[in-house]
């Protein structure tokens, strides 16, 4: 599973997350640096939105739901 780097909890599809400029997911409630954010939304939506995740383990895992 993929975990938030701040709180260590696993991400769930419906979690509200921030995607930063390094393509790192962080729970919205854990995120501290607004100036580095690239996008925000539900975890599953952002995984599907960015081609950086296409074809890797993250995309394949959540595409199966």
N, C-alpha and C. Protein backbone atom coordinates (compact mmCIF):
# COMPACT_ATOMS: atom_id res chain seq x y z
N UNK A 1 0.84 -1.19 0.00
CA UNK A 1 0.00 0.00 0.00
C UNK A 1 0.88 1.25 0.00
N UNK A 2 0.28 2.33 -0.41
CA UNK A 2 0.99 3.60 -0.47
C UNK A 2 0.59 4.41 0.76
N UNK A 3 1.57 4.98 1.43
CA UNK A 3 1.31 5.69 2.68
C UNK A 3 1.66 7.17 2.57
N UNK A 4 0.98 7.95 3.38
CA UNK A 4 1.26 9.37 3.50
C UNK A 4 2.63 9.53 4.18
N UNK A 5 3.50 10.37 3.63
CA UNK A 5 4.82 10.54 4.24
C UNK A 5 4.79 11.27 5.58
N UNK A 6 3.71 11.95 5.88
CA UNK A 6 3.61 12.70 7.15
C UNK A 6 3.02 11.86 8.27
N UNK A 7 1.86 11.24 8.04
CA UNK A 7 1.17 10.51 9.11
C UNK A 7 1.39 9.01 9.06
N UNK A 8 1.84 8.49 7.90
CA UNK A 8 2.11 7.07 7.76
C UNK A 8 0.90 6.20 7.50
N UNK A 9 -0.29 6.80 7.38
CA UNK A 9 -1.50 6.02 7.12
C UNK A 9 -1.62 5.71 5.63
N UNK A 10 -2.18 4.55 5.32
CA UNK A 10 -2.41 4.17 3.93
C UNK A 10 -3.43 5.10 3.29
N UNK A 11 -3.22 5.39 2.00
CA UNK A 11 -4.21 6.17 1.26
C UNK A 11 -5.37 5.27 0.87
N UNK A 12 -6.55 5.84 0.93
CA UNK A 12 -7.76 5.17 0.44
C UNK A 12 -8.27 5.96 -0.74
N UNK A 13 -9.04 5.33 -1.60
CA UNK A 13 -9.51 5.97 -2.83
C UNK A 13 -10.16 7.33 -2.59
N UNK A 14 -10.98 7.45 -1.56
CA UNK A 14 -11.74 8.67 -1.34
C UNK A 14 -10.99 9.72 -0.52
N UNK A 15 -9.77 9.44 -0.09
CA UNK A 15 -9.01 10.40 0.72
C UNK A 15 -8.73 11.67 -0.08
N UNK A 16 -8.86 12.81 0.60
CA UNK A 16 -8.51 14.10 0.03
C UNK A 16 -7.00 14.26 0.16
N UNK A 17 -6.33 14.44 -0.97
CA UNK A 17 -4.87 14.50 -0.98
C UNK A 17 -4.35 15.70 -1.76
N UNK A 18 -3.10 16.01 -1.50
CA UNK A 18 -2.36 17.03 -2.25
C UNK A 18 -1.27 16.30 -3.02
N UNK A 19 -1.10 16.65 -4.28
CA UNK A 19 -0.01 16.14 -5.09
C UNK A 19 0.98 17.28 -5.25
N UNK A 20 2.23 17.07 -4.83
CA UNK A 20 3.20 18.17 -4.94
C UNK A 20 3.98 18.10 -6.25
N UNK A 21 4.89 19.04 -6.45
CA UNK A 21 5.63 19.14 -7.71
C UNK A 21 6.57 17.96 -7.94
N UNK A 22 6.85 17.18 -6.90
CA UNK A 22 7.68 15.98 -7.02
C UNK A 22 6.83 14.72 -7.21
N UNK A 23 5.53 14.91 -7.47
CA UNK A 23 4.57 13.82 -7.63
C UNK A 23 4.49 12.94 -6.38
N UNK A 24 4.50 13.57 -5.22
CA UNK A 24 4.34 12.89 -3.94
C UNK A 24 2.96 13.21 -3.40
N UNK A 25 2.23 12.18 -3.00
CA UNK A 25 0.92 12.37 -2.39
C UNK A 25 1.07 12.59 -0.90
N UNK A 26 0.26 13.51 -0.35
CA UNK A 26 0.18 13.74 1.09
C UNK A 26 -1.28 14.00 1.40
N UNK A 27 -1.78 13.47 2.53
CA UNK A 27 -3.15 13.79 2.93
C UNK A 27 -3.30 15.31 3.02
N UNK A 28 -4.44 15.81 2.61
CA UNK A 28 -4.68 17.26 2.64
C UNK A 28 -4.51 17.82 4.05
N UNK A 29 -4.94 17.09 5.06
CA UNK A 29 -4.81 17.56 6.43
C UNK A 29 -3.40 17.52 6.97
N UNK A 30 -2.51 16.80 6.31
CA UNK A 30 -1.12 16.66 6.74
C UNK A 30 -0.19 17.63 6.00
N UNK A 31 -0.66 18.18 4.89
CA UNK A 31 0.19 18.97 4.01
C UNK A 31 0.50 20.33 4.61
N UNK A 32 1.76 20.78 4.53
CA UNK A 32 2.16 22.03 5.16
C UNK A 32 2.67 23.10 4.19
N UNK A 33 3.04 22.77 2.96
CA UNK A 33 3.69 23.71 2.07
C UNK A 33 2.83 23.98 0.83
N UNK A 34 1.92 24.93 0.91
CA UNK A 34 1.01 25.20 -0.20
C UNK A 34 1.71 25.65 -1.48
N UNK A 35 2.87 26.27 -1.36
CA UNK A 35 3.55 26.79 -2.54
C UNK A 35 4.11 25.70 -3.45
N UNK A 36 4.20 24.46 -2.95
CA UNK A 36 4.75 23.38 -3.76
C UNK A 36 3.66 22.44 -4.28
N UNK A 37 2.41 22.76 -4.04
CA UNK A 37 1.35 21.85 -4.47
C UNK A 37 1.13 21.97 -5.98
N UNK A 38 0.86 20.84 -6.59
CA UNK A 38 0.59 20.78 -8.03
C UNK A 38 -0.90 20.65 -8.27
N UNK A 39 -1.57 19.83 -7.43
CA UNK A 39 -2.99 19.57 -7.59
C UNK A 39 -3.54 19.02 -6.28
N UNK A 40 -4.84 19.03 -6.17
CA UNK A 40 -5.48 18.42 -5.01
C UNK A 40 -6.80 17.82 -5.42
N UNK A 41 -7.23 16.81 -4.67
CA UNK A 41 -8.48 16.12 -4.96
C UNK A 41 -8.49 14.76 -4.30
N UNK A 42 -9.40 13.90 -4.76
CA UNK A 42 -9.45 12.53 -4.22
C UNK A 42 -8.26 11.74 -4.76
N UNK A 43 -7.72 10.88 -3.93
CA UNK A 43 -6.54 10.09 -4.31
C UNK A 43 -6.75 9.35 -5.62
N UNK A 44 -7.85 8.63 -5.73
CA UNK A 44 -8.09 7.81 -6.93
C UNK A 44 -8.22 8.69 -8.18
N UNK A 45 -8.78 9.88 -8.06
CA UNK A 45 -8.92 10.77 -9.21
C UNK A 45 -7.56 11.29 -9.70
N UNK A 46 -6.69 11.63 -8.76
CA UNK A 46 -5.38 12.15 -9.15
C UNK A 46 -4.50 11.07 -9.75
N UNK A 47 -4.59 9.85 -9.25
CA UNK A 47 -3.83 8.74 -9.84
C UNK A 47 -4.24 8.56 -11.30
N UNK A 48 -5.52 8.65 -11.59
CA UNK A 48 -6.02 8.49 -12.95
C UNK A 48 -5.75 9.69 -13.85
N UNK A 49 -5.54 10.85 -13.27
CA UNK A 49 -5.41 12.09 -14.03
C UNK A 49 -4.02 12.29 -14.63
N UNK A 50 -2.99 11.84 -13.95
CA UNK A 50 -1.62 12.14 -14.36
C UNK A 50 -0.95 10.96 -15.04
N UNK A 51 -0.38 11.22 -16.20
CA UNK A 51 0.28 10.16 -16.96
C UNK A 51 1.54 9.64 -16.25
N UNK A 52 2.07 10.38 -15.30
CA UNK A 52 3.24 9.92 -14.55
C UNK A 52 2.95 8.62 -13.82
N UNK A 53 1.68 8.38 -13.49
CA UNK A 53 1.30 7.17 -12.76
C UNK A 53 0.79 6.07 -13.69
N UNK A 54 0.59 6.39 -14.96
CA UNK A 54 0.05 5.43 -15.90
C UNK A 54 1.06 4.30 -16.14
N UNK A 55 0.59 3.08 -16.00
CA UNK A 55 1.42 1.93 -16.25
C UNK A 55 2.27 1.49 -15.07
N UNK A 56 2.29 2.26 -13.99
CA UNK A 56 3.07 1.80 -12.84
C UNK A 56 2.16 1.11 -11.84
N UNK A 57 2.74 0.63 -10.77
CA UNK A 57 2.01 -0.18 -9.80
C UNK A 57 0.84 0.58 -9.17
N UNK A 58 0.97 1.88 -8.96
CA UNK A 58 -0.10 2.67 -8.37
C UNK A 58 -1.32 2.65 -9.27
N UNK A 59 -1.12 2.95 -10.54
CA UNK A 59 -2.22 3.02 -11.49
C UNK A 59 -2.88 1.65 -11.66
N UNK A 60 -2.10 0.60 -11.80
CA UNK A 60 -2.66 -0.74 -11.98
C UNK A 60 -3.45 -1.19 -10.76
N UNK A 61 -2.96 -0.87 -9.58
CA UNK A 61 -3.64 -1.27 -8.36
C UNK A 61 -5.02 -0.62 -8.26
N UNK A 62 -5.09 0.68 -8.47
CA UNK A 62 -6.36 1.38 -8.30
C UNK A 62 -7.28 1.28 -9.51
N UNK A 63 -6.74 0.94 -10.66
CA UNK A 63 -7.59 0.74 -11.84
C UNK A 63 -8.42 -0.55 -11.69
N UNK A 64 -7.99 -1.43 -10.81
CA UNK A 64 -8.70 -2.70 -10.63
C UNK A 64 -9.95 -2.55 -9.77
N UNK A 65 -10.17 -1.39 -9.15
CA UNK A 65 -11.35 -1.19 -8.29
C UNK A 65 -12.56 -0.77 -9.10
